[in-house]
Amino acid sequence: MAHVNDSGDVVFKAELGAVTADVTQIQGVWMNPSYRGQGLSAGYMAAVVEKARMLAPVTSLYVNGFNLRARSTYERVGFRQVGTFATVLF
């Protein structure tokens, strides 16, 4: 799912990385830096969630703990933290 402006520039994009009958997982969320800070992200995310909920009743995503702006946007859309994950590299 993406929004492209009249000039052909991607303004916002997000992907559904996993889709089952029970849950979808949003990934690859990106806002063009030229449009950041304008209050657009929550509306775009709400639209992605609305489409995802047509496929499954639950929508999830992962976000880095340090990404406070993204976390704030996700909370405004209705996401809540239900767990914490860590990546361990060997």
Protein backbone atom coordinates (compact mmCIF):
# COMPACT_ATOMS: atom_id res chain seq x y z
CA MET A 1 0.00 0.00 0.00
CA ALA A 2 1.46 3.29 -1.03
CA HIS A 3 0.56 6.87 -1.76
CA VAL A 4 2.35 8.52 -4.67
CA ASN A 5 2.03 12.26 -5.25
CA ASP A 6 1.37 13.95 -8.60
CA SER A 7 5.13 14.16 -9.25
CA GLY A 8 5.51 10.39 -8.87
CA ASP A 9 7.24 10.57 -5.49
CA VAL A 10 6.28 8.01 -2.86
CA VAL A 11 4.83 9.89 0.11
CA PHE A 12 4.03 6.89 2.32
CA LYS A 13 4.24 3.13 2.05
CA ALA A 14 3.52 0.08 4.18
CA GLU A 15 3.34 -3.63 3.41
CA LEU A 16 1.50 -6.60 4.83
CA GLY A 17 4.32 -9.02 5.53
CA ALA A 18 2.16 -11.84 6.82
CA VAL A 19 -1.51 -12.50 6.29
CA THR A 20 -3.55 -15.31 7.83
CA ALA A 21 -7.25 -15.64 8.55
CA ASP A 22 -6.52 -14.55 12.12
CA VAL A 23 -3.89 -11.83 11.88
CA THR A 24 -2.03 -9.51 9.52
CA GLN A 25 1.39 -8.05 10.21
CA ILE A 26 2.33 -4.62 8.91
CA GLN A 27 5.95 -4.07 7.94
CA GLY A 28 8.07 -1.74 5.83
CA VAL A 29 6.34 1.43 7.03
CA TRP A 30 8.02 4.48 5.51
CA MET A 31 7.20 8.17 5.24
CA ASN A 32 9.07 10.31 2.73
CA PRO A 33 11.33 12.63 4.76
CA SER A 34 9.93 15.63 2.86
CA TYR A 35 6.52 14.93 4.41
CA ARG A 36 7.57 14.03 7.95
CA GLY A 37 6.41 16.24 10.80
CA GLN A 38 3.20 17.30 9.02
CA GLY A 39 0.84 15.02 10.95
CA LEU A 40 0.12 12.75 7.98
CA SER A 41 1.37 9.42 9.31
CA ALA A 42 -1.57 8.58 11.57
CA GLY A 43 -4.06 8.95 8.72
CA TYR A 44 -2.00 6.77 6.43
CA MET A 45 -1.56 4.12 9.13
CA ALA A 46 -5.27 4.18 9.95
CA ALA A 47 -6.00 3.49 6.27
CA VAL A 48 -3.53 0.59 6.22
CA VAL A 49 -5.12 -0.90 9.35
CA GLU A 50 -8.59 -0.50 7.87
CA LYS A 51 -7.56 -2.45 4.77
CA ALA A 52 -5.71 -5.07 6.84
CA ARG A 53 -8.77 -5.60 9.06
CA MET A 54 -10.72 -6.56 5.93
CA LEU A 55 -8.44 -9.62 5.75
CA ALA A 56 -8.17 -10.58 9.44
CA PRO A 57 -9.55 -9.35 12.77
CA VAL A 58 -6.13 -8.62 14.33
CA THR A 59 -3.37 -6.42 12.94
CA SER A 60 0.12 -6.37 14.42
CA LEU A 61 3.49 -4.77 13.81
CA TYR A 62 6.95 -4.57 15.29
CA VAL A 63 8.66 -1.27 16.00
CA ASN A 64 12.06 -0.47 17.45
CA GLY A 65 11.84 0.83 21.02
CA PHE A 66 13.95 3.88 20.16
CA ASN A 67 11.60 4.95 17.35
CA LEU A 68 9.49 7.22 19.52
CA ARG A 69 7.83 9.13 16.68
CA ALA A 70 6.62 5.93 15.03
CA ARG A 71 5.47 4.49 18.34
CA SER A 72 3.49 7.66 19.04
CA THR A 73 1.81 7.42 15.65
CA TYR A 74 0.94 3.76 16.16
CA GLU A 75 -0.55 4.53 19.57
CA ARG A 76 -2.71 7.29 18.05
CA VAL A 77 -4.05 4.75 15.56
CA GLY A 78 -4.92 2.33 18.37
CA PHE A 79 -1.97 -0.03 18.62
CA ARG A 80 -0.82 -1.04 22.08
CA GLN A 81 2.33 -2.80 23.19
CA VAL A 82 1.73 -6.42 24.13
CA GLY A 83 5.29 -7.71 24.29
CA THR A 84 8.97 -6.97 23.95
CA PHE A 85 11.35 -8.81 21.64
CA ALA A 86 15.11 -8.77 21.34
CA THR A 87 17.33 -9.86 18.50
CA VAL A 88 20.43 -11.86 19.34
CA LEU A 89 23.08 -12.34 16.67
CA PHE A 90 25.58 -15.19 16.79
